[in-house]
Amino acid sequence: MLLTDDKSKCGEYQKIIVSRDTGNKREHRAINSNGKHKVRQYKLDGDIVKQRKCCDFLVLNDSVKKAYYIELKGENIDEAIPQLESAVQICSQELRQYNVFYRIVCSKIRTHKINSNKFRKFQEKVGRKLQYSSIRMEENI
């Protein structure tokens, strides 16, 4: 098992889970209001998953079975897609019961990148489960 409790980067009922690379402004903030849900956070790329490229973080809300795959990117937002898909593939066995969501936080969102074929196809495939933002994203999980 890749996703064991001892590898989690946050407390079991932590109220705010921040996913950020060291020395970077880009961040995703997952709000666990009143600490009522059991949560876990994993640093995937280079920590849990070393053999291939995947997204940076995975935040799990175990109470309601939601999985948030988070990619922190520079400007190349369309490069996030294969990394998100790779992470889902790697973790799919352990998270079969979970509803999957995709988050991309990048430095700049360039219009031609979000209108690229690759990005549009992925967006059509996953629908509202994909959200992207510039510099910072905050949401209730």
C-alpha atoms as a PDB file:
ATOM      1  CA  MET A   1       0.000   0.000   0.000  1.00  0.00           C
ATOM      2  CA  LEU A   2       1.279   3.414  -0.993  1.00  0.00           C
ATOM      3  CA  LEU A   3      -1.151   5.555   0.993  1.00  0.00           C
ATOM      4  CA  THR A   4      -0.638   4.536   4.607  1.00  0.00           C
ATOM      5  CA  ASP A   5      -1.543   6.808   7.531  1.00  0.00           C
ATOM      6  CA  ASP A   6       2.084   7.132   8.640  1.00  0.00           C
ATOM      7  CA  LYS A   7       3.056   8.715   5.282  1.00  0.00           C
ATOM      8  CA  SER A   8       0.381  11.416   5.557  1.00  0.00           C
ATOM      9  CA  LYS A   9       1.752  14.961   5.804  1.00  0.00           C
ATOM     10  CA  CYS A  10      -1.137  16.319   7.893  1.00  0.00           C
ATOM     11  CA  GLY A  11      -2.966  15.599  11.124  1.00  0.00           C
ATOM     12  CA  GLU A  12      -5.925  13.221  11.069  1.00  0.00           C
ATOM     13  CA  TYR A  13      -8.524  15.981  11.628  1.00  0.00           C
ATOM     14  CA  GLN A  14      -6.451  18.993  10.535  1.00  0.00           C
ATOM     15  CA  LYS A  15      -8.557  22.077   9.737  1.00  0.00           C
ATOM     16  CA  ILE A  16      -6.421  23.586   6.946  1.00  0.00           C
ATOM     17  CA  ILE A  17      -4.278  21.448   4.646  1.00  0.00           C
ATOM     18  CA  VAL A  18      -1.814  23.476   2.561  1.00  0.00           C
ATOM     19  CA  SER A  19      -0.193  21.889  -0.496  1.00  0.00           C
ATOM     20  CA  ARG A  20       2.811  23.940  -1.611  1.00  0.00           C
ATOM     21  CA  ASP A  21       6.275  23.255  -2.973  1.00  0.00           C
ATOM     22  CA  THR A  22       9.141  24.701  -0.940  1.00  0.00           C
ATOM     23  CA  GLY A  23      10.043  28.242  -1.980  1.00  0.00           C
ATOM     24  CA  ASN A  24       6.976  28.594  -4.182  1.00  0.00           C
ATOM     25  CA  LYS A  25       3.977  30.924  -4.033  1.00  0.00           C
ATOM     26  CA  ARG A  26       1.590  28.514  -5.731  1.00  0.00           C
ATOM     27  CA  GLU A  27      -0.594  26.725  -3.200  1.00  0.00           C
ATOM     28  CA  HIS A  28      -3.795  24.801  -2.706  1.00  0.00           C
ATOM     29  CA  ARG A  29      -5.637  25.183   0.607  1.00  0.00           C
ATOM     30  CA  ALA A  30      -8.132  22.505   1.581  1.00  0.00           C
ATOM     31  CA  ILE A  31     -10.425  23.633   4.381  1.00  0.00           C
ATOM     32  CA  ASN A  32     -11.762  20.952   6.715  1.00  0.00           C
ATOM     33  CA  SER A  33     -14.295  23.133   8.547  1.00  0.00           C
ATOM     34  CA  ASN A  34     -14.221  22.570  12.299  1.00  0.00           C
ATOM     35  CA  GLY A  35     -11.942  19.569  11.741  1.00  0.00           C
ATOM     36  CA  LYS A  36     -14.987  17.334  11.405  1.00  0.00           C
ATOM     37  CA  HIS A  37     -13.632  15.110   8.603  1.00  0.00           C
ATOM     38  CA  LYS A  38     -10.819  12.580   8.713  1.00  0.00           C
ATOM     39  CA  VAL A  39      -8.238  13.781   6.176  1.00  0.00           C
ATOM     40  CA  ARG A  40      -4.874  12.762   4.763  1.00  0.00           C
ATOM     41  CA  GLN A  41      -2.329  14.551   2.572  1.00  0.00           C
ATOM     42  CA  TYR A  42       0.436  12.960   0.513  1.00  0.00           C
ATOM     43  CA  LYS A  43       3.343  14.418  -1.424  1.00  0.00           C
ATOM     44  CA  LEU A  44       3.256  12.122  -4.451  1.00  0.00           C
ATOM     45  CA  ASP A  45       5.827  13.268  -7.027  1.00  0.00           C
ATOM     46  CA  GLY A  46       9.325  12.390  -5.806  1.00  0.00           C
ATOM     47  CA  ASP A  47       8.182  11.183  -2.384  1.00  0.00           C
ATOM     48  CA  ILE A  48       5.564   8.400  -2.527  1.00  0.00           C
ATOM     49  CA  VAL A  49       5.959   7.927  -6.300  1.00  0.00           C
ATOM     50  CA  LYS A  50       9.555   7.909  -7.477  1.00  0.00           C
ATOM     51  CA  GLN A  51       9.459   5.713 -10.569  1.00  0.00           C
ATOM     52  CA  ARG A  52       7.521   8.086 -12.862  1.00  0.00           C
ATOM     53  CA  LYS A  53       6.076  11.583 -13.170  1.00  0.00           C
ATOM     54  CA  CYS A  54       2.770  12.282 -11.466  1.00  0.00           C
ATOM     55  CA  CYS A  55       0.977  15.173  -9.799  1.00  0.00           C
ATOM     56  CA  ASP A  56       2.454  16.886  -6.758  1.00  0.00           C
ATOM     57  CA  PHE A  57      -0.095  16.240  -4.000  1.00  0.00           C
ATOM     58  CA  LEU A  58      -3.071  14.107  -3.086  1.00  0.00           C
ATOM     59  CA  VAL A  59      -5.533  15.233  -0.405  1.00  0.00           C
ATOM     60  CA  LEU A  60      -8.071  12.694   0.831  1.00  0.00           C
ATOM     61  CA  ASN A  61     -11.254  13.281   2.768  1.00  0.00           C
ATOM     62  CA  ASP A  62     -11.806   9.795   4.161  1.00  0.00           C
ATOM     63  CA  SER A  63     -15.107  10.698   5.839  1.00  0.00           C
ATOM     64  CA  VAL A  64     -16.899  11.417   2.550  1.00  0.00           C
ATOM     65  CA  LYS A  65     -14.578   9.440   0.225  1.00  0.00           C
ATOM     66  CA  LYS A  66     -13.207  12.320  -1.884  1.00  0.00           C
ATOM     67  CA  ALA A  67      -9.757  12.400  -3.495  1.00  0.00           C
ATOM     68  CA  TYR A  68      -8.210  15.679  -4.685  1.00  0.00           C
ATOM     69  CA  TYR A  69      -5.265  15.322  -7.065  1.00  0.00           C
ATOM     70  CA  ILE A  70      -3.302  18.582  -7.034  1.00  0.00           C
ATOM     71  CA  GLU A  71      -0.716  19.740  -9.564  1.00  0.00           C
ATOM     72  CA  LEU A  72       1.284  22.921  -8.970  1.00  0.00           C
ATOM     73  CA  LYS A  73       2.527  24.230 -12.323  1.00  0.00           C
ATOM     74  CA  GLY A  74       4.433  27.124 -13.813  1.00  0.00           C
ATOM     75  CA  GLU A  75       2.826  28.340 -17.026  1.00  0.00           C
ATOM     76  CA  ASN A  76       2.389  25.066 -18.939  1.00  0.00           C
ATOM     77  CA  ILE A  77      -1.039  24.123 -17.643  1.00  0.00           C
ATOM     78  CA  ASP A  78      -1.535  21.453 -20.323  1.00  0.00           C
ATOM     79  CA  GLU A  79       1.515  19.554 -19.014  1.00  0.00           C
ATOM     80  CA  ALA A  80      -0.424  18.960 -15.793  1.00  0.00           C
ATOM     81  CA  ILE A  81      -2.880  16.595 -17.481  1.00  0.00           C
ATOM     82  CA  PRO A  82      -0.595  13.566 -17.995  1.00  0.00           C
ATOM     83  CA  GLN A  83       0.717  14.033 -14.451  1.00  0.00           C
ATOM     84  CA  LEU A  84      -2.805  14.032 -12.995  1.00  0.00           C
ATOM     85  CA  GLU A  85      -3.789  10.993 -15.076  1.00  0.00           C
ATOM     86  CA  SER A  86      -0.632   9.152 -14.040  1.00  0.00           C
ATOM     87  CA  ALA A  87      -1.323   9.756 -10.339  1.00  0.00           C
ATOM     88  CA  VAL A  88      -4.906   8.527 -10.667  1.00  0.00           C
ATOM     89  CA  GLN A  89      -3.676   5.377 -12.392  1.00  0.00           C
ATOM     90  CA  ILE A  90      -1.066   4.728  -9.686  1.00  0.00           C
ATOM     91  CA  CYS A  91      -3.513   5.220  -6.792  1.00  0.00           C
ATOM     92  CA  SER A  92      -6.687   3.817  -8.363  1.00  0.00           C
ATOM     93  CA  GLN A  93      -6.507   0.413  -6.635  1.00  0.00           C
ATOM     94  CA  GLU A  94      -6.431   1.971  -3.168  1.00  0.00           C
ATOM     95  CA  LEU A  95      -9.034   4.641  -3.923  1.00  0.00           C
ATOM     96  CA  ARG A  96     -11.695   2.661  -5.796  1.00  0.00           C
ATOM     97  CA  GLN A  97     -14.484   3.948  -3.533  1.00  0.00           C
ATOM     98  CA  TYR A  98     -13.402   7.604  -3.794  1.00  0.00           C
ATOM     99  CA  ASN A  99     -14.893  10.371  -5.919  1.00  0.00           C
ATOM    100  CA  VAL A 100     -11.971  11.939  -7.835  1.00  0.00           C
ATOM    101  CA  PHE A 101     -11.335  15.675  -8.322  1.00  0.00           C
ATOM    102  CA  TYR A 102      -8.543  17.421 -10.237  1.00  0.00           C
ATOM    103  CA  ARG A 103      -6.915  20.706  -9.209  1.00  0.00           C
ATOM    104  CA  ILE A 104      -4.293  22.709 -11.083  1.00  0.00           C
ATOM    105  CA  VAL A 105      -2.674  25.780  -9.545  1.00  0.00           C
ATOM    106  CA  CYS A 106      -0.280  27.585 -11.865  1.00  0.00           C
ATOM    107  CA  SER A 107       1.741  30.809 -12.003  1.00  0.00           C
ATOM    108  CA  LYS A 108      -0.099  32.173 -15.015  1.00  0.00           C
ATOM    109  CA  ILE A 109      -3.067  30.914 -16.953  1.00  0.00           C
ATOM    110  CA  ARG A 110      -2.486  31.583 -20.621  1.00  0.00           C
ATOM    111  CA  THR A 111      -5.613  31.545 -22.774  1.00  0.00           C
ATOM    112  CA  HIS A 112      -3.993  29.596 -25.603  1.00  0.00           C
ATOM    113  CA  LYS A 113      -2.965  26.864 -23.137  1.00  0.00           C
ATOM    114  CA  ILE A 114      -6.464  26.330 -21.722  1.00  0.00           C
ATOM    115  CA  ASN A 115      -7.812  26.325 -25.268  1.00  0.00           C
ATOM    116  CA  SER A 116      -5.322  23.674 -26.391  1.00  0.00           C
ATOM    117  CA  ASN A 117      -6.730  20.408 -27.730  1.00  0.00           C
ATOM    118  CA  LYS A 118      -5.212  18.313 -24.946  1.00  0.00           C
ATOM    119  CA  PHE A 119      -6.605  20.534 -22.185  1.00  0.00           C
ATOM    120  CA  ARG A 120     -10.076  20.872 -23.723  1.00  0.00           C
ATOM    121  CA  LYS A 121     -10.403  17.101 -24.245  1.00  0.00           C
ATOM    122  CA  PHE A 122      -9.476  16.426 -20.625  1.00  0.00           C
ATOM    123  CA  GLN A 123     -11.894  19.103 -19.443  1.00  0.00           C
ATOM    124  CA  GLU A 124     -14.704  17.585 -21.518  1.00  0.00           C
ATOM    125  CA  LYS A 125     -13.901  14.120 -20.144  1.00  0.00           C
ATOM    126  CA  VAL A 126     -13.902  15.051 -16.427  1.00  0.00           C
ATOM    127  CA  GLY A 127     -16.260  18.049 -16.488  1.00  0.00           C
ATOM    128  CA  ARG A 128     -16.650  20.050 -13.301  1.00  0.00           C
ATOM    129  CA  LYS A 129     -14.301  17.771 -11.419  1.00  0.00           C
ATOM    130  CA  LEU A 130     -11.455  19.829 -12.901  1.00  0.00           C
ATOM    131  CA  GLN A 131     -10.743  23.267 -11.474  1.00  0.00           C
ATOM    132  CA  TYR A 132      -7.783  25.495 -12.126  1.00  0.00           C
ATOM    133  CA  SER A 133      -6.553  28.733 -10.661  1.00  0.00           C
ATOM    134  CA  SER A 134      -3.668  31.150 -10.751  1.00  0.00           C
ATOM    135  CA  ILE A 135      -1.291  31.280  -7.740  1.00  0.00           C
ATOM    136  CA  ARG A 136      -3.747  30.142  -5.036  1.00  0.00           C
ATOM    137  CA  MET A 137      -6.837  27.975  -4.715  1.00  0.00           C
ATOM    138  CA  GLU A 138      -8.884  27.525  -1.568  1.00  0.00           C
ATOM    139  CA  GLU A 139     -11.856  25.216  -1.146  1.00  0.00           C
ATOM    140  CA  ASN A 140     -13.897  23.368   1.429  1.00  0.00           C
ATOM    141  CA  ILE A 141     -13.415  19.649   1.298  1.00  0.00           C
END
